[in-house]
Amino acid sequence: MSLIFVIFHTTLSLIGCVLNSLLCYVAAWKSPTVIKTYSIITVNFAITNLAICVVNFVLQMRMIPIEKTIIFVSYGPCQWLNNKICFDLYSVLVHVYTHTIWLLFVSFCYRYYVMVKSEPSKTRVNLLLLIIYIPSFVQMILLFFDFTDPSILLKIQQSLVPQYNLKGLMIFGIADSTSFNAMFSIIHVAVMSTPIVLCIVVLRKKILKKMSFKGVEVNSSTRSLQLQLLRALTFQALIPCFYLIGVASYFISRLEIYRDPFFEYLIFSAFLFVPVLSPISAFTFVTPYRKWLLRACHLSIYRVESEKNETTKEVTNETRWGQSTRTNSIIYEFERFTVLNILYKTTNLLDD
């Protein structure tokens, strides 16, 4: 099982590193003006997820909760380092995981906020991101001081779960997880993730409710954009559910509901889906990012399509000019119902 675990973590970590590096670049340098403010959240997302993938690749941890003790076994390159460095990297990894949960929540809050109020300034968005980072940063600092000597962990393991043979492996962890430092981290990761995911589901429903226009006729293009946004919100709302899978696996092992290495491997394996699926979501549903990726991967195809588009633009230029008055009236009508706020400012789907 450990070999499958290593292959899984190595593959997903490398894929996540590539995708999040690309997303960080395109969000920082290629975002159109209409989503420049929201791209700040996207860049933070990409950097945080990139950090998760890099540190996860180095650690590749299996978590073994035993009563009050938590033991980690590293199968990654960290096994050739020392225990304290591995433990510090674990502290960094957990703190970026919790920050990602908050970023998911903020991204949905932003989508809903721009529907009911004007778009916030970049300064306010940066300030909000700094505020939500503080709990995760404090958690990391506290964990740095909770390191336990590996020999003590081995004695506890041999006493409580003698069926495991951890000798010769890179192990590190926390002898007493009921200490303030450890409990702060556990509550932040395992307890707070559940209400945050529920809040995301509620926000998604509120956003979709705002998108309903009873008694208002919308054209096929706008309706298509609404369906795209619905798919985007549905996909993005499902991503945090992988945290719940990891948390459930943790409690199954911690509470001795069922002791099996599978759940111990699954804890961080489930978490790893989040930093991989998040950039996929961005490249799939944000039009400028998707077009950039297609240009980067299929340059020759894009050039042919560009030439066709240029020819089409020349033929239809006068027609579009004649339709500008009607388009402006449609825009004015939908601004009254706040549809343009959600379509322009949150996913840029109107950029198609």
Foldseek 3Di string as FASTA:
>chain_A
DVVVLLVLLQVLLVLLLVLLVLQLVCLCPVDDPLAVLVSVLSNLLSVLLNLLSVLCQQFSWFWFADAQWIKIFGPHVCFPPAQLVNQLSVLVNLLSLLLNLVSLLVLLVQLLDLLVDPHDDSVVVVVVSVVSSVLSVVLSVLSSPQWDDVVVVVVVCCVGPVVDDCPPTRMITGGGCVDPSNVSSCCSQQVVLVVSLVSLVVSLVVSLVLVDDPPDDDDPVLVVLNVLVNVLSVLSSCLSVLSVLLSVLVCCSNVVVDDDSVSSSSNVSSSSVNSNVVSVSLLVRQVSNVVVVCCVVPVVVVVVVVVVVVVVCVVCVVVVVVCVVVVVVVVVVVVVSSPCSSCRHNRNSVVD
